[in-house]
Amino acid sequence: MYRTRFQKDIVAEFLPPKRKTKTQRLILLCDGMPSIPKKQGLVEFLSAKGYWVIYPRYRGAWESDGEFLKYSPHLDIKEIIDEVLDLKTIRENSFYKSFEVKPDEIFVIGGSFGGATALLSSLDSRVKKVIANCPVVDWKILKEEQAAETANPNYVSYLKETFGSAYRLPEKNWKKLYEGEFFNPAFHIKELNPLKIRMFHAVDDPYVPAKVVKDFADRTKIRLKLLKKGGHLSTDLIVRKYWDEIHRFFLSQ
């Protein structure tokens, strides 16, 4: 696993494909929040399938610089794509080895908070397809989700107590989510292209209500695989279990 930095602020791990393919494909993995960055095994799995993989930390989170939620996290993904397509190389930070990367197709995979990032990344015309696993589709669930996750009435305080400086999140940035426009897929519902997106969700998800996601899927015509059980689904598990289906979706026009 290599490490690099995009746009000066965004720290990311990455791997080139372990086997060459005629079409060069790149996947960007988007973490949930709060969560510990632990998708390295999934990065290796996707690399073995012939994909370039970039696994970033959002600005203001974990190793990346900046202020969390100052800007919509999907803009971090956009800026990584900007840099990759502009420079056509990625340089790792340990020994300054450079890798040539010229993706013909770009994909985004994200779960939960990262599912919202993935959905909004689909608005970028350069992104071919997106997988959103147990995604936050509308931040109107905010109070219910917080209640399920912590007894602390102040979520920003909970993050600081539990994750220390892993998230540099001012209260004012978190409150932007309550407004309904910032970083909210539901606000962009008319702009989303259902042909570019697949969603996975479980009926018994305790954090993101299945009804909210089902209603969102009905309104957008996005294809949703709704599982009877699984709770707040692991993106690693879903991608591995349904890889053949996901890969066919990626290859489809």
C-alpha atoms as a PDB file:
ATOM      1  CA  MET A   1       0.000   0.000   0.000  1.00  0.00           C
ATOM      2  CA  TYR A   2       1.376   3.395  -1.015  1.00  0.00           C
ATOM      3  CA  ARG A   3       0.608   6.794   0.468  1.00  0.00           C
ATOM      4  CA  THR A   4       0.420  10.156  -1.254  1.00  0.00           C
ATOM      5  CA  ARG A   5      -1.092  13.616  -0.912  1.00  0.00           C
ATOM      6  CA  PHE A   6      -3.493  15.283  -3.350  1.00  0.00           C
ATOM      7  CA  GLN A   7      -4.101  19.023  -3.656  1.00  0.00           C
ATOM      8  CA  LYS A   8      -1.596  19.542  -0.797  1.00  0.00           C
ATOM      9  CA  ASP A   9      -4.231  18.706   1.857  1.00  0.00           C
ATOM     10  CA  ILE A  10      -5.711  15.283   1.082  1.00  0.00           C
ATOM     11  CA  VAL A  11      -3.744  12.258   2.289  1.00  0.00           C
ATOM     12  CA  ALA A  12      -4.621   9.016   0.509  1.00  0.00           C
ATOM     13  CA  GLU A  13      -3.509   5.428   0.213  1.00  0.00           C
ATOM     14  CA  PHE A  14      -3.431   3.877  -3.235  1.00  0.00           C
ATOM     15  CA  LEU A  15      -2.557   0.788  -5.213  1.00  0.00           C
ATOM     16  CA  PRO A  16      -2.072   0.257  -8.928  1.00  0.00           C
ATOM     17  CA  PRO A  17      -3.804  -2.754 -10.477  1.00  0.00           C
ATOM     18  CA  LYS A  18      -2.076  -6.073  -9.854  1.00  0.00           C
ATOM     19  CA  ARG A  19      -2.831  -7.133 -13.411  1.00  0.00           C
ATOM     20  CA  LYS A  20      -2.986  -5.105 -16.582  1.00  0.00           C
ATOM     21  CA  THR A  21      -6.239  -4.626 -18.448  1.00  0.00           C
ATOM     22  CA  LYS A  22      -6.911  -3.128 -21.847  1.00  0.00           C
ATOM     23  CA  THR A  23      -9.125  -0.456 -20.289  1.00  0.00           C
ATOM     24  CA  GLN A  24      -7.592   1.368 -17.335  1.00  0.00           C
ATOM     25  CA  ARG A  25     -10.156   1.746 -14.542  1.00  0.00           C
ATOM     26  CA  LEU A  26      -9.921   3.769 -11.325  1.00  0.00           C
ATOM     27  CA  ILE A  27     -11.994   3.377  -8.158  1.00  0.00           C
ATOM     28  CA  LEU A  28     -12.149   5.965  -5.388  1.00  0.00           C
ATOM     29  CA  LEU A  29     -13.240   4.593  -1.991  1.00  0.00           C
ATOM     30  CA  CYS A  30     -15.170   6.916   0.338  1.00  0.00           C
ATOM     31  CA  ASP A  31     -15.225   6.243   4.074  1.00  0.00           C
ATOM     32  CA  GLY A  32     -18.139   6.619   6.436  1.00  0.00           C
ATOM     33  CA  MET A  33     -18.037   9.009   9.381  1.00  0.00           C
ATOM     34  CA  PRO A  34     -17.169   8.521  12.110  1.00  0.00           C
ATOM     35  CA  SER A  35     -15.077   5.493  11.277  1.00  0.00           C
ATOM     36  CA  ILE A  36     -11.511   4.298  11.530  1.00  0.00           C
ATOM     37  CA  PRO A  37      -9.827   4.050   8.092  1.00  0.00           C
ATOM     38  CA  LYS A  38      -9.677   0.284   7.628  1.00  0.00           C
ATOM     39  CA  LYS A  39     -10.505  -0.426   3.988  1.00  0.00           C
ATOM     40  CA  GLN A  40      -6.948  -1.439   3.089  1.00  0.00           C
ATOM     41  CA  GLY A  41      -8.079  -5.021   2.564  1.00  0.00           C
ATOM     42  CA  LEU A  42     -10.760  -3.838   0.149  1.00  0.00           C
ATOM     43  CA  VAL A  43      -8.163  -1.740  -1.686  1.00  0.00           C
ATOM     44  CA  GLU A  44      -6.085  -4.889  -2.176  1.00  0.00           C
ATOM     45  CA  PHE A  45      -9.144  -6.876  -3.280  1.00  0.00           C
ATOM     46  CA  LEU A  46     -10.046  -4.303  -5.965  1.00  0.00           C
ATOM     47  CA  SER A  47      -6.439  -3.952  -7.086  1.00  0.00           C
ATOM     48  CA  ALA A  48      -6.342  -7.727  -7.611  1.00  0.00           C
ATOM     49  CA  LYS A  49      -9.409  -7.348  -9.856  1.00  0.00           C
ATOM     50  CA  GLY A  50      -7.450  -5.067 -12.181  1.00  0.00           C
ATOM     51  CA  TYR A  51      -8.450  -1.638 -10.853  1.00  0.00           C
ATOM     52  CA  TRP A  52      -6.458   1.370  -9.771  1.00  0.00           C
ATOM     53  CA  VAL A  53      -7.695   2.246  -6.270  1.00  0.00           C
ATOM     54  CA  ILE A  54      -7.408   5.506  -4.313  1.00  0.00           C
ATOM     55  CA  TYR A  55      -8.517   5.567  -0.676  1.00  0.00           C
ATOM     56  CA  PRO A  56      -8.507   9.168   0.601  1.00  0.00           C
ATOM     57  CA  ARG A  57      -9.097  10.797   3.971  1.00  0.00           C
ATOM     58  CA  TYR A  58     -11.507  13.719   3.781  1.00  0.00           C
ATOM     59  CA  ARG A  59     -10.115  17.188   4.401  1.00  0.00           C
ATOM     60  CA  GLY A  60     -10.106  17.811   8.133  1.00  0.00           C
ATOM     61  CA  ALA A  61     -10.256  14.086   8.939  1.00  0.00           C
ATOM     62  CA  TRP A  62      -7.515  11.774  10.161  1.00  0.00           C
ATOM     63  CA  GLU A  63      -4.206  12.454   8.383  1.00  0.00           C
ATOM     64  CA  SER A  64      -5.524  15.074   5.944  1.00  0.00           C
ATOM     65  CA  ASP A  65      -5.146  18.788   6.586  1.00  0.00           C
ATOM     66  CA  GLY A  66      -7.962  21.303   6.616  1.00  0.00           C
ATOM     67  CA  GLU A  67     -11.290  21.703   8.374  1.00  0.00           C
ATOM     68  CA  PHE A  68     -13.876  18.947   8.235  1.00  0.00           C
ATOM     69  CA  LEU A  69     -17.118  19.863   6.423  1.00  0.00           C
ATOM     70  CA  LYS A  70     -15.897  23.335   5.524  1.00  0.00           C
ATOM     71  CA  TYR A  71     -16.661  22.161   1.997  1.00  0.00           C
ATOM     72  CA  SER A  72     -18.771  19.249   0.796  1.00  0.00           C
ATOM     73  CA  PRO A  73     -16.643  16.056   0.937  1.00  0.00           C
ATOM     74  CA  HIS A  74     -17.572  15.129  -2.632  1.00  0.00           C
ATOM     75  CA  LEU A  75     -15.463  18.107  -3.712  1.00  0.00           C
ATOM     76  CA  ASP A  76     -12.410  16.301  -2.289  1.00  0.00           C
ATOM     77  CA  ILE A  77     -13.173  13.457  -4.694  1.00  0.00           C
ATOM     78  CA  LYS A  78     -13.593  15.932  -7.546  1.00  0.00           C
ATOM     79  CA  GLU A  79     -10.234  17.550  -6.795  1.00  0.00           C
ATOM     80  CA  ILE A  80      -8.455  14.192  -6.660  1.00  0.00           C
ATOM     81  CA  ILE A  81      -9.890  13.382 -10.084  1.00  0.00           C
ATOM     82  CA  ASP A  82      -8.803  16.821 -11.314  1.00  0.00           C
ATOM     83  CA  GLU A  83      -5.228  16.188 -10.247  1.00  0.00           C
ATOM     84  CA  VAL A  84      -5.021  12.623 -11.551  1.00  0.00           C
ATOM     85  CA  LEU A  85      -6.327  13.606 -14.984  1.00  0.00           C
ATOM     86  CA  ASP A  86      -4.135  16.710 -15.097  1.00  0.00           C
ATOM     87  CA  LEU A  87      -0.814  15.219 -13.946  1.00  0.00           C
ATOM     88  CA  LYS A  88      -1.397  11.640 -15.164  1.00  0.00           C
ATOM     89  CA  THR A  89       0.927  10.458 -12.403  1.00  0.00           C
ATOM     90  CA  ILE A  90       0.732   9.659  -8.702  1.00  0.00           C
ATOM     91  CA  ARG A  91       3.897   9.950  -6.592  1.00  0.00           C
ATOM     92  CA  GLU A  92       4.123   7.981  -3.376  1.00  0.00           C
ATOM     93  CA  ASN A  93       5.586   9.784  -0.383  1.00  0.00           C
ATOM     94  CA  SER A  94       8.140   7.334   1.012  1.00  0.00           C
ATOM     95  CA  PHE A  95      10.637   6.957  -1.824  1.00  0.00           C
ATOM     96  CA  TYR A  96       9.078   9.370  -4.349  1.00  0.00           C
ATOM     97  CA  LYS A  97       8.324   6.647  -6.853  1.00  0.00           C
ATOM     98  CA  SER A  98       5.985   7.887  -9.582  1.00  0.00           C
ATOM     99  CA  PHE A  99       3.206   5.816 -11.145  1.00  0.00           C
ATOM    100  CA  GLU A 100       1.670   6.660 -14.489  1.00  0.00           C
ATOM    101  CA  VAL A 101      -2.118   6.619 -14.317  1.00  0.00           C
ATOM    102  CA  LYS A 102      -4.409   7.453 -17.226  1.00  0.00           C
ATOM    103  CA  PRO A 103      -7.854   6.138 -16.310  1.00  0.00           C
ATOM    104  CA  ASP A 104     -10.289   5.517 -19.136  1.00  0.00           C
ATOM    105  CA  GLU A 105     -13.110   5.041 -16.619  1.00  0.00           C
ATOM    106  CA  ILE A 106     -13.621   6.335 -13.092  1.00  0.00           C
ATOM    107  CA  PHE A 107     -15.863   4.837 -10.392  1.00  0.00           C
ATOM    108  CA  VAL A 108     -16.742   5.799  -6.823  1.00  0.00           C
ATOM    109  CA  ILE A 109     -17.722   3.463  -3.987  1.00  0.00           C
ATOM    110  CA  GLY A 110     -18.865   4.714  -0.605  1.00  0.00           C
ATOM    111  CA  GLY A 111     -20.866   3.650   2.420  1.00  0.00           C
ATOM    112  CA  SER A 112     -23.038   5.537   4.921  1.00  0.00           C
ATOM    113  CA  PHE A 113     -21.613   9.100   5.097  1.00  0.00           C
ATOM    114  CA  GLY A 114     -19.381   7.976   2.219  1.00  0.00           C
ATOM    115  CA  GLY A 115     -22.520   6.849   0.414  1.00  0.00           C
ATOM    116  CA  ALA A 116     -23.646  10.474   0.327  1.00  0.00           C
ATOM    117  CA  THR A 117     -20.187  11.375  -1.006  1.00  0.00           C
ATOM    118  CA  ALA A 118     -20.524   8.731  -3.713  1.00  0.00           C
ATOM    119  CA  LEU A 119     -24.023   9.835  -4.732  1.00  0.00           C
ATOM    120  CA  LEU A 120     -22.927  13.448  -5.097  1.00  0.00           C
ATOM    121  CA  SER A 121     -19.778  12.380  -6.948  1.00  0.00           C
ATOM    122  CA  SER A 122     -22.051  10.847  -9.588  1.00  0.00           C
ATOM    123  CA  LEU A 123     -22.923  14.416 -10.637  1.00  0.00           C
ATOM    124  CA  ASP A 124     -19.394  14.680 -12.079  1.00  0.00           C
ATOM    125  CA  SER A 125     -19.594  13.721 -15.765  1.00  0.00           C
ATOM    126  CA  ARG A 126     -16.156  12.085 -15.531  1.00  0.00           C
ATOM    127  CA  VAL A 127     -17.465   9.513 -13.041  1.00  0.00           C
ATOM    128  CA  LYS A 128     -18.941   6.597 -14.971  1.00  0.00           C
ATOM    129  CA  LYS A 129     -20.661   4.618 -12.189  1.00  0.00           C
ATOM    130  CA  VAL A 130     -21.214   4.778  -8.444  1.00  0.00           C
ATOM    131  CA  ILE A 131     -21.970   2.262  -5.696  1.00  0.00           C
ATOM    132  CA  ALA A 132     -23.662   3.730  -2.606  1.00  0.00           C
ATOM    133  CA  ASN A 133     -23.898   1.319   0.307  1.00  0.00           C
ATOM    134  CA  CYS A 134     -26.351   2.118   3.155  1.00  0.00           C
ATOM    135  CA  PRO A 135     -26.075   5.762   2.057  1.00  0.00           C
ATOM    136  CA  VAL A 136     -27.223   8.828   3.921  1.00  0.00           C
ATOM    137  CA  VAL A 137     -29.566  10.123   1.231  1.00  0.00           C
ATOM    138  CA  ASP A 138     -31.133  12.948   3.231  1.00  0.00           C
ATOM    139  CA  TRP A 139     -29.765  14.655   6.330  1.00  0.00           C
ATOM    140  CA  LYS A 140     -33.274  15.017   7.745  1.00  0.00           C
ATOM    141  CA  ILE A 141     -32.446  11.743   9.544  1.00  0.00           C
ATOM    142  CA  LEU A 142     -29.744  13.566  11.515  1.00  0.00           C
ATOM    143  CA  LYS A 143     -31.485  13.654  14.894  1.00  0.00           C
ATOM    144  CA  GLU A 144     -32.586  10.008  14.680  1.00  0.00           C
ATOM    145  CA  GLU A 145     -29.119   8.841  13.616  1.00  0.00           C
ATOM    146  CA  GLN A 146     -27.403  10.741  16.423  1.00  0.00           C
ATOM    147  CA  ALA A 147     -29.850   9.318  18.968  1.00  0.00           C
ATOM    148  CA  ALA A 148     -28.987   5.793  17.847  1.00  0.00           C
ATOM    149  CA  GLU A 149     -25.242   6.437  17.958  1.00  0.00           C
ATOM    150  CA  THR A 150     -24.696   8.385  21.168  1.00  0.00           C
ATOM    151  CA  ALA A 151     -26.467   9.668  24.288  1.00  0.00           C
ATOM    152  CA  ASN A 152     -24.448  12.888  24.054  1.00  0.00           C
ATOM    153  CA  PRO A 153     -26.869  15.606  22.847  1.00  0.00           C
ATOM    154  CA  ASN A 154     -23.998  17.415  21.132  1.00  0.00           C
ATOM    155  CA  TYR A 155     -22.621  15.339  18.255  1.00  0.00           C
ATOM    156  CA  VAL A 156     -19.517  17.469  17.747  1.00  0.00           C
ATOM    157  CA  SER A 157     -18.675  17.025  21.434  1.00  0.00           C
ATOM    158  CA  TYR A 158     -19.185  13.266  21.057  1.00  0.00           C
ATOM    159  CA  LEU A 159     -16.749  13.182  18.131  1.00  0.00           C
ATOM    160  CA  LYS A 160     -14.099  15.094  20.073  1.00  0.00           C
ATOM    161  CA  GLU A 161     -14.470  12.892  23.142  1.00  0.00           C
ATOM    162  CA  THR A 162     -14.437   9.656  21.148  1.00  0.00           C
ATOM    163  CA  PHE A 163     -12.068  10.381  18.256  1.00  0.00           C
ATOM    164  CA  GLY A 164      -9.912  13.202  19.621  1.00  0.00           C
ATOM    165  CA  SER A 165      -8.427  15.290  16.827  1.00  0.00           C
ATOM    166  CA  ALA A 166      -9.270  12.747  14.119  1.00  0.00           C
ATOM    167  CA  TYR A 167     -12.054  15.107  12.987  1.00  0.00           C
ATOM    168  CA  ARG A 168     -11.352  18.845  13.119  1.00  0.00           C
ATOM    169  CA  LEU A 169     -15.013  19.824  13.055  1.00  0.00           C
ATOM    170  CA  PRO A 170     -16.327  23.217  14.187  1.00  0.00           C
ATOM    171  CA  GLU A 171     -19.909  23.258  15.419  1.00  0.00           C
ATOM    172  CA  LYS A 172     -20.934  25.674  12.654  1.00  0.00           C
ATOM    173  CA  ASN A 173     -19.837  23.212   9.967  1.00  0.00           C
ATOM    174  CA  TRP A 174     -21.886  20.379  11.440  1.00  0.00           C
ATOM    175  CA  LYS A 175     -24.950  22.611  11.691  1.00  0.00           C
ATOM    176  CA  LYS A 176     -24.832  23.182   7.925  1.00  0.00           C
ATOM    177  CA  LEU A 177     -26.176  19.645   7.522  1.00  0.00           C
ATOM    178  CA  TYR A 178     -29.430  20.661   9.227  1.00  0.00           C
ATOM    179  CA  GLU A 179     -30.128  23.227   6.501  1.00  0.00           C
ATOM    180  CA  GLY A 180     -30.901  20.511   3.937  1.00  0.00           C
ATOM    181  CA  GLU A 181     -28.829  21.811   1.034  1.00  0.00           C
ATOM    182  CA  PHE A 182     -25.210  21.278   2.051  1.00  0.00           C
ATOM    183  CA  PHE A 183     -23.789  17.823   1.194  1.00  0.00           C
ATOM    184  CA  ASN A 184     -27.300  16.435   0.774  1.00  0.00           C
ATOM    185  CA  PRO A 185     -28.184  14.013  -2.065  1.00  0.00           C
ATOM    186  CA  ALA A 186     -31.909  14.707  -1.593  1.00  0.00           C
ATOM    187  CA  PHE A 187     -31.332  18.347  -2.517  1.00  0.00           C
ATOM    188  CA  HIS A 188     -29.948  17.210  -5.897  1.00  0.00           C
ATOM    189  CA  ILE A 189     -32.611  14.592  -6.528  1.00  0.00           C
ATOM    190  CA  LYS A 190     -33.558  15.934  -9.971  1.00  0.00           C
ATOM    191  CA  GLU A 191     -29.933  16.000 -11.129  1.00  0.00           C
ATOM    192  CA  LEU A 192     -29.026  12.402 -10.282  1.00  0.00           C
ATOM    193  CA  ASN A 193     -28.781   9.954 -13.173  1.00  0.00           C
ATOM    194  CA  PRO A 194     -30.210   6.585 -12.033  1.00  0.00           C
ATOM    195  CA  LEU A 195     -28.309   4.748 -14.775  1.00  0.00           C
ATOM    196  CA  LYS A 196     -25.008   5.683 -13.072  1.00  0.00           C
ATOM    197  CA  ILE A 197     -25.932   4.526  -9.570  1.00  0.00           C
ATOM    198  CA  ARG A 198     -26.616   1.329  -7.626  1.00  0.00           C
ATOM    199  CA  MET A 199     -27.537   1.297  -3.933  1.00  0.00           C
ATOM    200  CA  PHE A 200     -27.400  -1.437  -1.296  1.00  0.00           C
ATOM    201  CA  HIS A 201     -29.255  -1.262   2.010  1.00  0.00           C
ATOM    202  CA  ALA A 202     -30.635  -3.469   4.783  1.00  0.00           C
ATOM    203  CA  VAL A 203     -34.158  -3.308   6.191  1.00  0.00           C
ATOM    204  CA  ASP A 204     -32.819  -3.502   9.756  1.00  0.00           C
ATOM    205  CA  ASP A 205     -30.258  -0.685   9.433  1.00  0.00           C
ATOM    206  CA  PRO A 206     -30.356   1.061  12.854  1.00  0.00           C
ATOM    207  CA  TYR A 207     -28.755   4.310  11.686  1.00  0.00           C
ATOM    208  CA  VAL A 208     -30.088   5.067   8.200  1.00  0.00           C
ATOM    209  CA  PRO A 209     -33.787   4.070   8.005  1.00  0.00           C
ATOM    210  CA  ALA A 210     -34.540   1.761   5.083  1.00  0.00           C
ATOM    211  CA  LYS A 211     -37.807   3.606   4.404  1.00  0.00           C
ATOM    212  CA  VAL A 212     -35.945   6.858   3.735  1.00  0.00           C
ATOM    213  CA  VAL A 213     -33.597   5.116   1.285  1.00  0.00           C
ATOM    214  CA  LYS A 214     -36.461   3.217  -0.375  1.00  0.00           C
ATOM    215  CA  ASP A 215     -38.419   6.440  -0.871  1.00  0.00           C
ATOM    216  CA  PHE A 216     -35.308   8.095  -2.300  1.00  0.00           C
ATOM    217  CA  ALA A 217     -34.818   5.167  -4.701  1.00  0.00           C
ATOM    218  CA  ASP A 218     -38.460   5.340  -5.803  1.00  0.00           C
ATOM    219  CA  ARG A 219     -38.238   9.073  -6.455  1.00  0.00           C
ATOM    220  CA  THR A 220     -34.935   8.891  -8.364  1.00  0.00           C
ATOM    221  CA  LYS A 221     -35.518   5.514 -10.081  1.00  0.00           C
ATOM    222  CA  ILE A 222     -32.121   4.391  -8.767  1.00  0.00           C
ATOM    223  CA  ARG A 223     -31.844   0.608  -8.528  1.00  0.00           C
ATOM    224  CA  LEU A 224     -31.779  -0.523  -4.885  1.00  0.00           C
ATOM    225  CA  LYS A 225     -30.890  -3.979  -3.574  1.00  0.00           C
ATOM    226  CA  LEU A 226     -32.753  -4.103  -0.255  1.00  0.00           C
ATOM    227  CA  LEU A 227     -31.528  -6.900   2.010  1.00  0.00           C
ATOM    228  CA  LYS A 228     -33.708  -8.342   4.769  1.00  0.00           C
ATOM    229  CA  LYS A 229     -30.887  -8.389   7.317  1.00  0.00           C
ATOM    230  CA  GLY A 230     -27.425  -6.954   7.779  1.00  0.00           C
ATOM    231  CA  GLY A 231     -27.783  -3.848   9.914  1.00  0.00           C
ATOM    232  CA  HIS A 232     -25.548  -0.958   8.900  1.00  0.00           C
ATOM    233  CA  LEU A 233     -23.883  -2.874   6.087  1.00  0.00           C
ATOM    234  CA  SER A 234     -20.114  -3.111   5.773  1.00  0.00           C
ATOM    235  CA  THR A 235     -18.978  -1.745   2.411  1.00  0.00           C
ATOM    236  CA  ASP A 236     -16.092  -4.216   2.398  1.00  0.00           C
ATOM    237  CA  LEU A 237     -18.524  -7.117   2.849  1.00  0.00           C
ATOM    238  CA  ILE A 238     -21.011  -5.840   0.243  1.00  0.00           C
ATOM    239  CA  VAL A 239     -18.384  -5.220  -2.438  1.00  0.00           C
ATOM    240  CA  ARG A 240     -16.825  -8.645  -1.968  1.00  0.00           C
ATOM    241  CA  LYS A 241     -20.148 -10.509  -1.778  1.00  0.00           C
ATOM    242  CA  TYR A 242     -21.707  -8.779  -4.778  1.00  0.00           C
ATOM    243  CA  TRP A 243     -18.549  -8.100  -6.769  1.00  0.00           C
ATOM    244  CA  ASP A 244     -19.683  -9.982  -9.888  1.00  0.00           C
ATOM    245  CA  GLU A 245     -22.873  -7.927  -9.983  1.00  0.00           C
ATOM    246  CA  ILE A 246     -21.007  -4.679  -9.292  1.00  0.00           C
ATOM    247  CA  HIS A 247     -18.366  -5.433 -11.906  1.00  0.00           C
ATOM    248  CA  ARG A 248     -21.019  -6.130 -14.556  1.00  0.00           C
ATOM    249  CA  PHE A 249     -22.673  -2.829 -13.650  1.00  0.00           C
ATOM    250  CA  PHE A 250     -19.341  -1.025 -14.011  1.00  0.00           C
ATOM    251  CA  LEU A 251     -18.779  -2.515 -17.462  1.00  0.00           C
ATOM    252  CA  SER A 252     -22.293  -1.777 -18.699  1.00  0.00           C
ATOM    253  CA  GLN A 253     -22.978   1.289 -20.822  1.00  0.00           C
END
